[in-house]
Each structure stands twice: as C-alpha cells, then as structure tokens.
Amino acid sequence: TVEIPDGGTDAEVRRAVAEIALAASVPVTGLRAETADLESRFLAATADAQEYRTETATAGRN
C-alpha cells in the first residue's frame, strides 16, 4: 500500500505511484482509486458482521 497525500490530481497520484514502483522494481499492473469516506469504510469492514437484537434488552442492564 502506498499512501499519497490528498490534493493531487489523478494523474499526479498515478505518476507518484509509478515512480515509487519503478524505484523499487515493483511491476504495477493496475491502480484503483480509494476515496471512500469513514462511513463507507466502516460499512465495508462490517458488511459480514451479524447484529444481535432482542426486544427485552435494555442498555446498561444484564
């Protein structure tokens, strides 16, 4: 994973990634932009999680 600071254009980001990969002799076969906000990342990370609810549960009581 290569983190590029915000503010660059798509072309600038691709160029930076290509330069880093070339310097490290790492072949790059494709790039994917990830601009998801925090909510989108949370939803993606918890997509397979199960939620347990009950009608009698009250917060703070066991």
N, C-alpha and C. Protein backbone atom coordinates (compact mmCIF):
# COMPACT_ATOMS: atom_id res chain seq x y z
N THR A 1 0.84 -1.18 0.00
CA THR A 1 0.00 0.00 0.00
C THR A 1 0.88 1.24 0.00
N VAL A 2 0.55 2.15 -0.86
CA VAL A 2 1.27 3.43 -0.93
C VAL A 2 0.27 4.52 -0.64
N GLU A 3 0.52 5.30 0.38
CA GLU A 3 -0.38 6.40 0.72
C GLU A 3 0.16 7.69 0.11
N ILE A 4 -0.68 8.35 -0.64
CA ILE A 4 -0.34 9.61 -1.28
C ILE A 4 -1.17 10.70 -0.61
N PRO A 5 -0.56 11.82 -0.21
CA PRO A 5 -1.33 12.89 0.43
C PRO A 5 -2.44 13.41 -0.47
N ASP A 6 -3.53 13.85 0.15
CA ASP A 6 -4.66 14.41 -0.59
C ASP A 6 -4.23 15.68 -1.33
N GLY A 7 -5.00 16.03 -2.33
CA GLY A 7 -4.79 17.29 -3.02
C GLY A 7 -4.22 17.13 -4.41
N GLY A 8 -3.66 15.97 -4.73
CA GLY A 8 -3.11 15.77 -6.06
C GLY A 8 -4.19 15.35 -7.04
N THR A 9 -3.94 15.65 -8.30
CA THR A 9 -4.86 15.20 -9.34
C THR A 9 -4.66 13.70 -9.55
N ASP A 10 -5.57 13.08 -10.26
CA ASP A 10 -5.47 11.65 -10.54
C ASP A 10 -4.17 11.35 -11.27
N ALA A 11 -3.81 12.18 -12.23
CA ALA A 11 -2.58 11.98 -12.99
C ALA A 11 -1.35 12.10 -12.09
N GLU A 12 -1.36 13.06 -11.17
CA GLU A 12 -0.23 13.23 -10.25
C GLU A 12 -0.08 12.02 -9.32
N VAL A 13 -1.19 11.52 -8.85
CA VAL A 13 -1.16 10.35 -7.97
C VAL A 13 -0.63 9.13 -8.73
N ARG A 14 -1.12 8.92 -9.94
CA ARG A 14 -0.65 7.79 -10.74
C ARG A 14 0.84 7.91 -11.04
N ARG A 15 1.29 9.11 -11.34
CA ARG A 15 2.71 9.32 -11.62
C ARG A 15 3.55 9.02 -10.38
N ALA A 16 3.11 9.49 -9.21
CA ALA A 16 3.85 9.24 -7.97
C ALA A 16 3.94 7.75 -7.68
N VAL A 17 2.84 7.04 -7.85
CA VAL A 17 2.83 5.59 -7.61
C VAL A 17 3.76 4.89 -8.60
N ALA A 18 3.72 5.31 -9.86
CA ALA A 18 4.59 4.71 -10.88
C ALA A 18 6.06 4.94 -10.56
N GLU A 19 6.40 6.14 -10.11
CA GLU A 19 7.79 6.46 -9.76
C GLU A 19 8.26 5.62 -8.58
N ILE A 20 7.41 5.47 -7.56
CA ILE A 20 7.76 4.66 -6.39
C ILE A 20 7.94 3.21 -6.80
N ALA A 21 7.02 2.70 -7.61
CA ALA A 21 7.11 1.31 -8.05
C ALA A 21 8.36 1.08 -8.90
N LEU A 22 8.67 2.00 -9.79
CA LEU A 22 9.85 1.87 -10.63
C LEU A 22 11.12 1.87 -9.79
N ALA A 23 11.19 2.76 -8.81
CA ALA A 23 12.37 2.83 -7.94
C ALA A 23 12.55 1.55 -7.14
N ALA A 24 11.46 0.87 -6.81
CA ALA A 24 11.52 -0.35 -6.01
C ALA A 24 11.50 -1.61 -6.88
N SER A 25 11.53 -1.44 -8.20
CA SER A 25 11.46 -2.56 -9.15
C SER A 25 10.24 -3.43 -8.92
N VAL A 26 9.11 -2.78 -8.68
CA VAL A 26 7.84 -3.48 -8.45
C VAL A 26 6.95 -3.25 -9.67
N PRO A 27 6.56 -4.32 -10.36
CA PRO A 27 5.67 -4.13 -11.50
C PRO A 27 4.26 -3.72 -11.05
N VAL A 28 3.70 -2.75 -11.71
CA VAL A 28 2.33 -2.30 -11.42
C VAL A 28 1.47 -2.68 -12.61
N THR A 29 0.44 -3.49 -12.35
CA THR A 29 -0.44 -3.92 -13.44
C THR A 29 -1.76 -3.19 -13.45
N GLY A 30 -2.05 -2.43 -12.38
CA GLY A 30 -3.29 -1.67 -12.33
C GLY A 30 -3.36 -0.84 -11.08
N LEU A 31 -4.11 0.22 -11.14
CA LEU A 31 -4.31 1.10 -9.99
C LEU A 31 -5.79 1.25 -9.74
N ARG A 32 -6.15 1.33 -8.46
CA ARG A 32 -7.55 1.51 -8.09
C ARG A 32 -7.61 2.68 -7.11
N ALA A 33 -8.41 3.66 -7.41
CA ALA A 33 -8.57 4.81 -6.52
C ALA A 33 -9.49 4.43 -5.37
N GLU A 34 -9.09 4.77 -4.17
CA GLU A 34 -9.92 4.51 -2.99
C GLU A 34 -10.15 5.84 -2.29
N THR A 35 -11.34 6.37 -2.49
CA THR A 35 -11.66 7.67 -1.91
C THR A 35 -12.84 7.58 -0.96
N ALA A 36 -13.04 6.39 -0.42
CA ALA A 36 -14.19 6.18 0.47
C ALA A 36 -14.05 7.00 1.75
N ASP A 37 -15.15 7.52 2.21
CA ASP A 37 -15.15 8.24 3.48
C ASP A 37 -15.21 7.25 4.63
N LEU A 38 -15.12 7.74 5.84
CA LEU A 38 -15.08 6.89 7.02
C LEU A 38 -16.31 5.98 7.11
N GLU A 39 -17.49 6.52 6.81
CA GLU A 39 -18.71 5.72 6.89
C GLU A 39 -18.67 4.56 5.89
N SER A 40 -18.24 4.83 4.67
CA SER A 40 -18.15 3.79 3.66
C SER A 40 -17.17 2.71 4.06
N ARG A 41 -16.04 3.11 4.64
CA ARG A 41 -15.04 2.13 5.09
C ARG A 41 -15.61 1.28 6.23
N PHE A 42 -16.33 1.90 7.15
CA PHE A 42 -16.93 1.16 8.26
C PHE A 42 -17.94 0.15 7.74
N LEU A 43 -18.81 0.59 6.84
CA LEU A 43 -19.83 -0.31 6.29
C LEU A 43 -19.19 -1.48 5.54
N ALA A 44 -18.13 -1.21 4.80
CA ALA A 44 -17.44 -2.28 4.08
C ALA A 44 -16.78 -3.25 5.05
N ALA A 45 -16.19 -2.73 6.11
CA ALA A 45 -15.49 -3.58 7.08
C ALA A 45 -16.45 -4.43 7.90
N THR A 46 -17.67 -3.96 8.08
CA THR A 46 -18.63 -4.69 8.91
C THR A 46 -19.73 -5.35 8.09
N ALA A 47 -19.54 -5.45 6.79
CA ALA A 47 -20.58 -6.00 5.92
C ALA A 47 -20.96 -7.43 6.28
N ASP A 48 -20.00 -8.20 6.76
CA ASP A 48 -20.28 -9.60 7.10
C ASP A 48 -20.59 -9.82 8.57
N ALA A 49 -20.61 -8.76 9.35
CA ALA A 49 -20.87 -8.89 10.79
C ALA A 49 -22.35 -9.13 11.03
N GLN A 50 -22.65 -9.85 12.10
CA GLN A 50 -24.03 -10.10 12.46
C GLN A 50 -24.39 -9.24 13.66
N GLU A 51 -25.60 -8.75 13.67
CA GLU A 51 -26.07 -7.91 14.77
C GLU A 51 -27.09 -8.71 15.57
N TYR A 52 -26.98 -8.62 16.89
CA TYR A 52 -27.90 -9.34 17.77
C TYR A 52 -28.80 -8.33 18.45
N ARG A 53 -30.08 -8.51 18.32
CA ARG A 53 -31.05 -7.62 18.97
C ARG A 53 -32.09 -8.47 19.68
N THR A 54 -32.63 -7.91 20.75
CA THR A 54 -33.72 -8.56 21.45
C THR A 54 -34.68 -7.49 21.93
N GLU A 55 -35.93 -7.84 22.03
CA GLU A 55 -36.95 -6.88 22.45
C GLU A 55 -36.83 -6.53 23.93
N THR A 56 -36.24 -7.42 24.74
CA THR A 56 -36.19 -7.19 26.18
C THR A 56 -34.88 -6.57 26.66
N ALA A 57 -33.92 -6.40 25.79
CA ALA A 57 -32.63 -5.85 26.21
C ALA A 57 -32.75 -4.36 26.50
N THR A 58 -32.09 -3.93 27.56
CA THR A 58 -32.04 -2.52 27.92
C THR A 58 -30.58 -2.15 28.14
N ALA A 59 -30.15 -1.07 27.58
CA ALA A 59 -28.76 -0.66 27.72
C ALA A 59 -28.38 -0.50 29.18
N GLY A 60 -27.24 -1.05 29.54
CA GLY A 60 -26.74 -0.93 30.90
C GLY A 60 -27.24 -1.99 31.85
N ARG A 61 -28.14 -2.85 31.42
CA ARG A 61 -28.66 -3.93 32.28
C ARG A 61 -28.31 -5.28 31.69
N ASN A 62 -28.02 -6.23 32.56
CA ASN A 62 -27.72 -7.60 32.11
C ASN A 62 -28.74 -8.55 32.64
